[in-house]
Amino acid sequence: MTWLVVGLGNPGDQYAATRHNVGQMVIDQLVRRHSLKLSSHKSRTDIAAYKLGVGDSAHSIIVAKSKSYMNETGGPIKALANFYSIEPENIIALHDELDIAFATIRSKLGGGDNGHNGLKSMTSAFNTPDYYRVRLGIGRPMGQQDPADFVLKAFSKVEQKDVAEFIDRGADVVESLISQGLERTQTAFNS
């Protein structure tokens, strides 16, 4: 069984370290963890593949980052899923979540988009919300700061010291979801 793991975010160096790209940061961590190299795919994504587990119980995993902006993510991800014949129930979207405290991670299957343009685009492209989500908490901005501005800023100096562990835990959640299933992953990681 092949899984498609998608890190939502915006392309380009100016967005790479922003809160909105935390999903892509987890993809980068999985790439480092398994000594992979992302390569360009005709679906307008960068991808890498690896196996998780051994023997007959091994899972094939394709990790991907769209080269499109967040609100246009669905098209490239749908094209990639079609290329590899992967159904929505074998897709995991990694995304920033304003309504969860910083460094908190929750996983779930399906649901609404909660105003997240990447999820909105994916749900529209696949014509279903029934794919897995790893919700990476970035918290809400303090005071009157516009959430749209907040997500496009880098993590604060205080947050910076916890970002590496947060991203690494996000990679653990992805691999647990694939190897252990949703219920066990929620028990282990949803705090």
Protein backbone atom coordinates (compact mmCIF):
# COMPACT_ATOMS: atom_id res chain seq x y z
CA MET A 1 0.00 0.00 0.00
CA THR A 2 1.34 3.42 -0.98
CA TRP A 3 0.84 6.53 1.13
CA LEU A 4 1.15 10.13 -0.06
CA VAL A 5 2.33 12.55 2.62
CA VAL A 6 1.91 16.20 1.65
CA GLY A 7 3.45 19.17 3.42
CA LEU A 8 1.27 22.23 2.84
CA GLY A 9 3.01 25.56 2.40
CA ASN A 10 4.13 28.22 -0.03
CA PRO A 11 7.08 27.89 -2.42
CA GLY A 12 10.20 30.04 -2.18
CA ASP A 13 12.87 30.93 0.34
CA GLN A 14 10.88 33.91 1.69
CA TYR A 15 8.23 31.48 3.04
CA ALA A 16 10.41 28.49 3.97
CA ALA A 17 10.78 29.34 7.68
CA THR A 18 7.27 30.75 8.25
CA ARG A 19 4.57 29.23 10.44
CA HIS A 20 2.44 28.58 7.34
CA ASN A 21 5.15 26.22 6.03
CA VAL A 22 5.43 24.03 9.13
CA GLY A 23 3.94 21.12 7.13
CA GLN A 24 6.73 21.41 4.58
CA MET A 25 9.26 21.56 7.42
CA VAL A 26 8.03 18.12 8.53
CA ILE A 27 8.53 16.83 4.96
CA ASP A 28 12.09 18.20 5.06
CA GLN A 29 12.62 16.34 8.35
CA LEU A 30 11.38 13.05 6.87
CA VAL A 31 13.73 13.61 3.90
CA ARG A 32 16.68 14.15 6.29
CA ARG A 33 15.67 11.24 8.53
CA HIS A 34 15.73 8.78 5.63
CA SER A 35 18.66 10.35 3.71
CA LEU A 36 16.46 11.15 0.72
CA LYS A 37 16.64 13.81 -1.94
CA LEU A 38 13.57 15.64 -3.25
CA SER A 39 13.26 15.65 -7.03
CA SER A 40 10.95 17.53 -9.35
CA HIS A 41 7.83 15.74 -10.59
CA LYS A 42 5.71 16.73 -13.59
CA SER A 43 2.74 17.34 -11.25
CA ARG A 44 4.43 20.60 -10.09
CA THR A 45 5.60 18.99 -6.87
CA ASP A 46 8.93 17.97 -5.38
CA ILE A 47 8.85 14.37 -4.19
CA ALA A 48 10.89 11.58 -2.61
CA ALA A 49 9.97 7.97 -1.79
CA TYR A 50 10.95 5.45 0.85
CA LYS A 51 9.77 2.28 2.58
CA LEU A 52 8.66 2.19 6.21
CA GLY A 53 8.93 -1.20 7.89
CA VAL A 54 10.31 -4.46 6.53
CA GLY A 55 9.11 -7.38 4.47
CA ASP A 56 5.45 -7.84 3.62
CA SER A 57 4.34 -5.29 6.20
CA ALA A 58 6.44 -2.47 4.69
CA HIS A 59 4.60 0.65 3.52
CA SER A 60 5.63 2.64 0.45
CA ILE A 61 5.63 6.36 1.21
CA ILE A 62 5.84 9.29 -1.17
CA VAL A 63 6.52 12.63 0.49
CA ALA A 64 5.66 15.77 -1.45
CA LYS A 65 5.82 19.54 -1.40
CA SER A 66 3.75 21.48 -3.91
CA LYS A 67 5.48 24.14 -6.00
CA SER A 68 2.17 26.05 -6.04
CA TYR A 69 0.96 28.55 -3.49
CA MET A 70 -1.13 27.31 -0.58
CA ASN A 71 -4.51 28.20 -2.11
CA GLU A 72 -3.61 26.25 -5.30
CA THR A 73 -2.22 23.12 -3.60
CA GLY A 74 -5.08 20.83 -4.58
CA GLY A 75 -4.35 20.63 -8.32
CA PRO A 76 -0.72 19.48 -8.08
CA ILE A 77 -1.47 17.06 -5.22
CA LYS A 78 -4.43 15.57 -7.11
CA ALA A 79 -2.24 15.16 -10.23
CA LEU A 80 0.43 13.42 -8.13
CA ALA A 81 -2.14 11.15 -6.44
CA ASN A 82 -3.57 10.25 -9.86
CA PHE A 83 -0.09 9.49 -11.22
CA TYR A 84 0.54 6.99 -8.41
CA SER A 85 -3.11 5.80 -8.16
CA ILE A 86 -3.40 6.88 -4.52
CA GLU A 87 -6.88 7.33 -3.08
CA PRO A 88 -7.71 10.13 -0.58
CA GLU A 89 -7.86 7.63 2.32
CA ASN A 90 -4.11 7.08 1.80
CA ILE A 91 -3.20 10.77 1.82
CA ILE A 92 -1.87 12.66 4.84
CA ALA A 93 -1.88 16.46 4.70
CA LEU A 94 0.49 18.22 7.13
CA HIS A 95 -0.64 21.76 7.91
CA ASP A 96 -0.39 24.67 10.31
CA GLU A 97 -3.29 25.05 12.74
CA LEU A 98 -4.11 28.39 14.41
CA ASP A 99 -6.64 26.87 16.82
CA ILE A 100 -4.12 24.57 18.51
CA ALA A 101 -1.42 25.79 20.90
CA PHE A 102 2.12 26.09 19.55
CA ALA A 103 3.95 22.73 19.27
CA THR A 104 0.78 20.70 19.91
CA ILE A 105 0.05 18.06 17.28
CA ARG A 106 -3.28 16.41 16.53
CA SER A 107 -4.16 13.89 13.85
CA LYS A 108 -7.56 13.11 12.40
CA LEU A 109 -9.39 11.79 9.37
CA GLY A 110 -11.57 14.20 7.41
CA GLY A 111 -13.33 17.27 8.71
CA GLY A 112 -13.74 20.85 7.63
CA ASP A 113 -11.05 23.23 6.42
CA ASN A 114 -11.47 25.75 9.28
CA GLY A 115 -10.62 28.54 6.82
CA HIS A 116 -7.30 26.94 5.82
CA ASN A 117 -6.81 27.63 2.10
CA GLY A 118 -4.55 24.61 1.53
CA LEU A 119 -7.13 22.22 2.95
CA LYS A 120 -9.90 24.02 1.05
CA SER A 121 -7.97 23.56 -2.20
CA MET A 122 -7.28 19.86 -1.51
CA THR A 123 -10.88 19.12 -0.53
CA SER A 124 -12.08 20.84 -3.71
CA ALA A 125 -9.58 19.00 -5.95
CA PHE A 126 -10.37 15.57 -4.48
CA ASN A 127 -14.08 16.33 -4.09
CA THR A 128 -13.92 14.93 -0.54
CA PRO A 129 -12.58 16.00 2.86
CA ASP A 130 -11.84 12.37 3.73
CA TYR A 131 -8.06 12.37 3.88
CA TYR A 132 -5.86 12.34 6.97
CA ARG A 133 -4.62 15.56 8.53
CA VAL A 134 -1.71 16.12 10.86
CA ARG A 135 -2.57 19.43 12.49
CA LEU A 136 0.57 21.25 13.61
CA GLY A 137 -0.32 23.85 16.23
CA ILE A 138 1.05 27.34 15.75
CA GLY A 139 -1.34 29.10 18.14
CA ARG A 140 -3.13 32.38 17.56
CA PRO A 141 -1.45 35.78 17.34
CA MET A 142 -1.41 37.97 20.43
CA GLY A 143 -3.37 41.21 20.44
CA GLN A 144 -4.77 42.59 17.23
CA GLN A 145 -2.34 41.02 14.75
CA ASP A 146 -4.10 39.71 11.64
CA PRO A 147 -3.89 35.90 11.51
CA ALA A 148 -3.03 36.15 7.78
CA ASP A 149 0.08 38.19 8.69
CA PHE A 150 0.90 35.96 11.67
CA VAL A 151 1.08 32.73 9.64
CA LEU A 152 3.48 34.32 7.15
CA LYS A 153 6.00 35.28 9.87
CA ALA A 154 8.84 33.16 11.20
CA PHE A 155 8.50 31.54 14.61
CA SER A 156 9.31 33.89 17.50
CA LYS A 157 12.64 33.74 19.33
CA VAL A 158 10.90 32.00 22.25
CA GLU A 159 9.33 29.42 19.90
CA GLN A 160 12.58 28.88 17.97
CA LYS A 161 14.12 26.79 20.75
CA ASP A 162 11.27 24.25 20.47
CA VAL A 163 10.78 24.19 16.69
CA ALA A 164 13.28 21.39 15.91
CA GLU A 165 11.70 19.03 18.47
CA PHE A 166 8.20 20.01 17.27
CA ILE A 167 9.09 19.24 13.63
CA ASP A 168 10.75 15.94 14.60
CA ARG A 169 7.64 14.93 16.57
CA GLY A 170 5.55 15.81 13.51
CA ALA A 171 7.61 13.32 11.49
CA ASP A 172 7.05 10.72 14.25
CA VAL A 173 3.28 11.31 14.05
CA VAL A 174 3.29 10.75 10.27
CA GLU A 175 5.13 7.45 10.56
CA SER A 176 2.97 6.32 13.47
CA LEU A 177 -0.20 7.12 11.51
CA ILE A 178 1.02 4.94 8.65
CA SER A 179 2.40 2.06 10.72
CA GLN A 180 0.10 2.08 13.78
CA GLY A 181 -3.15 3.62 12.50
CA LEU A 182 -5.17 6.64 13.60
CA GLU A 183 -6.44 5.47 17.00
CA ARG A 184 -3.04 4.42 18.35
CA THR A 185 -1.43 7.58 16.96
CA GLN A 186 -4.07 9.79 18.59
CA THR A 187 -3.56 8.00 21.92
CA ALA A 188 0.22 8.39 21.70
CA PHE A 189 0.49 11.94 20.36
CA ASN A 190 -2.76 13.93 20.73
CA SER A 191 -2.26 15.82 23.97
